[in-house]
Amino acid sequence: MPASVESAPLNEFARINTVEALRRIASFRDDAAWSAILLNHGAGILRMAERIVGPALADDACQETLLQIRAHAQQFSVPPGARDAEGAARGWIMSIAYRTSLGMLRLNKRRDSNELRAELRNPRMASAPDDALLLKEQLELLRRFQEEGLQCEAKIG
């Protein structure tokens, strides 16, 4: 990081509004603009990630969100007729945080489901007859959970 960014006071970064910061990140990966995004939105991104994926995966979801923001900053534009450009930019950032966290949650659930199925298919994993029965019951509960989740998503959508 350049010395000018390291020595700049935090309130200097806060003066860069989100729309300008996104423009600068898209154009030339400006460190000061990146610091402004982190300062103004980092805590909100982390809170959203914690609510969706839980504390164990929140840091990963936050990092992935920031990578997505950096990669797609050039796609942001203030909607025509928007009264609050800053609010539109904040909404854009938080929607990326929401979608990224939700995607990580789905991926984690799918991985857990696949691992459980692999355990059930491998009889050597069960050391006692009770273990095999427990694994079968867990798979049935997982299937029910997935069915209920799909029904819930259909009702919401």
Protein backbone atom coordinates (compact mmCIF):
# COMPACT_ATOMS: atom_id res chain seq x y z
CA MET A 1 0.00 0.00 0.00
CA PRO A 2 1.44 3.43 -0.86
CA ALA A 3 2.71 5.53 2.03
CA SER A 4 0.14 8.24 1.27
CA VAL A 5 -2.71 5.80 1.92
CA GLU A 6 -1.06 4.34 5.04
CA SER A 7 -0.54 7.76 6.62
CA ALA A 8 -3.88 9.29 5.64
CA PRO A 9 -6.35 9.81 8.50
CA LEU A 10 -9.49 7.65 8.44
CA ASN A 11 -11.81 10.64 8.10
CA GLU A 12 -10.13 11.45 4.78
CA PHE A 13 -11.34 8.13 3.36
CA ALA A 14 -14.81 8.74 4.76
CA ARG A 15 -15.04 11.87 2.59
CA ILE A 16 -14.98 9.76 -0.57
CA ASN A 17 -18.59 8.87 -1.28
CA THR A 18 -19.48 5.34 -2.33
CA VAL A 19 -20.39 6.22 -5.92
CA GLU A 20 -17.05 7.93 -6.43
CA ALA A 21 -15.20 5.11 -4.68
CA LEU A 22 -16.79 2.49 -6.96
CA ARG A 23 -15.92 4.58 -10.02
CA ARG A 24 -12.32 4.93 -8.89
CA ILE A 25 -12.01 1.23 -8.05
CA ALA A 26 -13.36 0.32 -11.47
CA SER A 27 -11.07 2.75 -13.28
CA PHE A 28 -7.71 2.30 -11.63
CA ARG A 29 -7.99 0.27 -8.41
CA ASP A 30 -7.49 3.32 -6.21
CA ASP A 31 -6.31 2.36 -2.70
CA ALA A 32 -7.95 5.38 -1.07
CA ALA A 33 -11.28 4.49 -2.70
CA TRP A 34 -10.91 0.90 -1.54
CA SER A 35 -10.24 2.13 1.99
CA ALA A 36 -13.38 4.27 1.80
CA ILE A 37 -15.48 1.24 0.81
CA LEU A 38 -14.03 -0.78 3.70
CA LEU A 39 -14.46 2.03 6.20
CA ASN A 40 -18.02 2.91 5.18
CA HIS A 41 -19.42 -0.56 4.40
CA GLY A 42 -17.11 -3.22 5.87
CA ALA A 43 -18.97 -3.58 9.17
CA GLY A 44 -22.35 -3.78 7.43
CA ILE A 45 -21.09 -6.44 5.03
CA LEU A 46 -19.73 -8.49 7.93
CA ARG A 47 -22.99 -8.15 9.92
CA MET A 48 -25.04 -9.34 6.95
CA ALA A 49 -22.70 -12.27 6.38
CA GLU A 50 -22.92 -13.26 10.05
CA ARG A 51 -26.72 -13.21 9.95
CA ILE A 52 -26.86 -15.39 6.84
CA VAL A 53 -23.97 -17.87 7.14
CA GLY A 54 -23.19 -17.61 10.86
CA PRO A 55 -19.99 -16.55 12.57
CA ALA A 56 -17.94 -19.52 11.35
CA LEU A 57 -18.21 -18.56 7.67
CA ALA A 58 -18.79 -14.81 7.99
CA ASP A 59 -15.19 -13.79 7.36
CA ASP A 60 -15.02 -15.90 4.21
CA ALA A 61 -18.32 -14.48 2.96
CA CYS A 62 -17.12 -10.96 3.69
CA GLN A 63 -13.87 -11.52 1.79
CA GLU A 64 -15.70 -13.01 -1.17
CA THR A 65 -18.12 -10.07 -1.16
CA LEU A 66 -15.23 -7.61 -1.29
CA LEU A 67 -13.66 -9.53 -4.18
CA GLN A 68 -16.99 -9.43 -6.03
CA ILE A 69 -17.29 -5.69 -5.46
CA ARG A 70 -13.79 -5.13 -6.81
CA ALA A 71 -14.38 -7.38 -9.81
CA HIS A 72 -17.73 -5.83 -10.73
CA ALA A 73 -17.39 -2.19 -9.67
CA GLN A 74 -17.50 -1.08 -13.31
CA GLN A 75 -21.02 -2.50 -13.60
CA PHE A 76 -22.48 -0.14 -11.01
CA SER A 77 -24.38 2.86 -12.29
CA VAL A 78 -26.77 5.16 -10.53
CA PRO A 79 -30.30 4.29 -11.69
CA PRO A 80 -31.95 7.02 -13.76
CA GLY A 81 -34.12 9.23 -11.61
CA ALA A 82 -32.51 8.04 -8.37
CA ARG A 83 -32.83 10.67 -5.66
CA ASP A 84 -30.11 9.19 -3.48
CA ALA A 85 -27.05 8.03 -5.45
CA GLU A 86 -25.22 7.14 -2.22
CA GLY A 87 -28.15 4.99 -1.11
CA ALA A 88 -28.24 3.26 -4.49
CA ALA A 89 -24.52 2.47 -4.23
CA ARG A 90 -24.95 1.22 -0.65
CA GLY A 91 -27.86 -0.97 -1.78
CA TRP A 92 -25.77 -2.35 -4.64
CA ILE A 93 -22.96 -3.28 -2.26
CA MET A 94 -25.29 -4.87 0.27
CA SER A 95 -27.11 -6.85 -2.42
CA ILE A 96 -23.74 -8.31 -3.43
CA ALA A 97 -23.10 -9.15 0.23
CA TYR A 98 -26.53 -10.80 0.49
CA ARG A 99 -26.20 -12.86 -2.69
CA THR A 100 -22.63 -13.90 -1.92
CA SER A 101 -23.49 -14.98 1.62
CA LEU A 102 -26.56 -16.86 0.46
CA GLY A 103 -24.50 -18.63 -2.21
CA MET A 104 -21.92 -19.66 0.38
CA LEU A 105 -24.67 -20.94 2.67
CA ARG A 106 -26.13 -23.06 -0.14
CA LEU A 107 -22.70 -24.36 -1.09
CA ASN A 108 -21.95 -25.29 2.51
CA LYS A 109 -25.28 -27.12 2.89
CA ARG A 110 -24.72 -28.97 -0.38
CA ARG A 111 -21.21 -29.98 0.73
CA ASP A 112 -22.54 -31.22 4.10
CA SER A 113 -25.25 -33.18 2.32
CA ASN A 114 -22.75 -34.75 -0.07
CA GLU A 115 -20.43 -35.69 2.79
CA LEU A 116 -23.29 -37.35 4.67
CA ARG A 117 -24.32 -39.30 1.58
CA ALA A 118 -20.73 -40.43 1.09
CA GLU A 119 -20.63 -41.67 4.68
CA LEU A 120 -23.84 -43.64 4.13
CA ARG A 121 -22.52 -45.25 0.96
CA ASN A 122 -19.34 -46.37 2.67
CA PRO A 123 -20.23 -49.08 5.19
CA ARG A 124 -16.65 -49.12 6.53
CA MET A 125 -17.31 -45.69 8.05
CA ALA A 126 -19.78 -47.15 10.55
CA SER A 127 -17.92 -48.89 13.36
CA ALA A 128 -21.02 -50.36 15.01
CA PRO A 129 -24.53 -51.28 13.85
CA ASP A 130 -25.89 -48.32 15.78
CA ASP A 131 -23.66 -45.97 13.77
CA ALA A 132 -25.12 -47.22 10.50
CA LEU A 133 -28.66 -46.74 11.81
CA LEU A 134 -27.79 -43.23 13.03
CA LEU A 135 -26.36 -42.32 9.63
CA LYS A 136 -29.52 -43.55 7.88
CA GLU A 137 -31.69 -41.48 10.22
CA GLN A 138 -29.52 -38.44 9.58
CA LEU A 139 -29.90 -38.88 5.83
CA GLU A 140 -33.69 -39.09 6.19
CA LEU A 141 -33.72 -35.90 8.27
CA LEU A 142 -31.52 -34.22 5.68
CA ARG A 143 -33.92 -35.23 2.88
CA ARG A 144 -36.88 -33.84 4.84
CA PHE A 145 -35.01 -30.61 5.53
CA GLN A 146 -34.17 -30.21 1.84
CA GLU A 147 -37.78 -30.86 0.80
CA GLU A 148 -39.08 -28.34 3.33
CA GLY A 149 -36.46 -25.83 2.20
CA LEU A 150 -37.53 -26.21 -1.42
CA GLN A 151 -41.17 -25.79 -0.47
CA CYS A 152 -40.29 -22.69 1.58
CA GLU A 153 -38.34 -21.17 -1.35
CA ALA A 154 -41.25 -21.87 -3.69
CA LYS A 155 -43.65 -20.07 -1.34
CA ILE A 156 -41.31 -17.09 -1.02
CA GLY A 157 -40.56 -16.87 -4.74
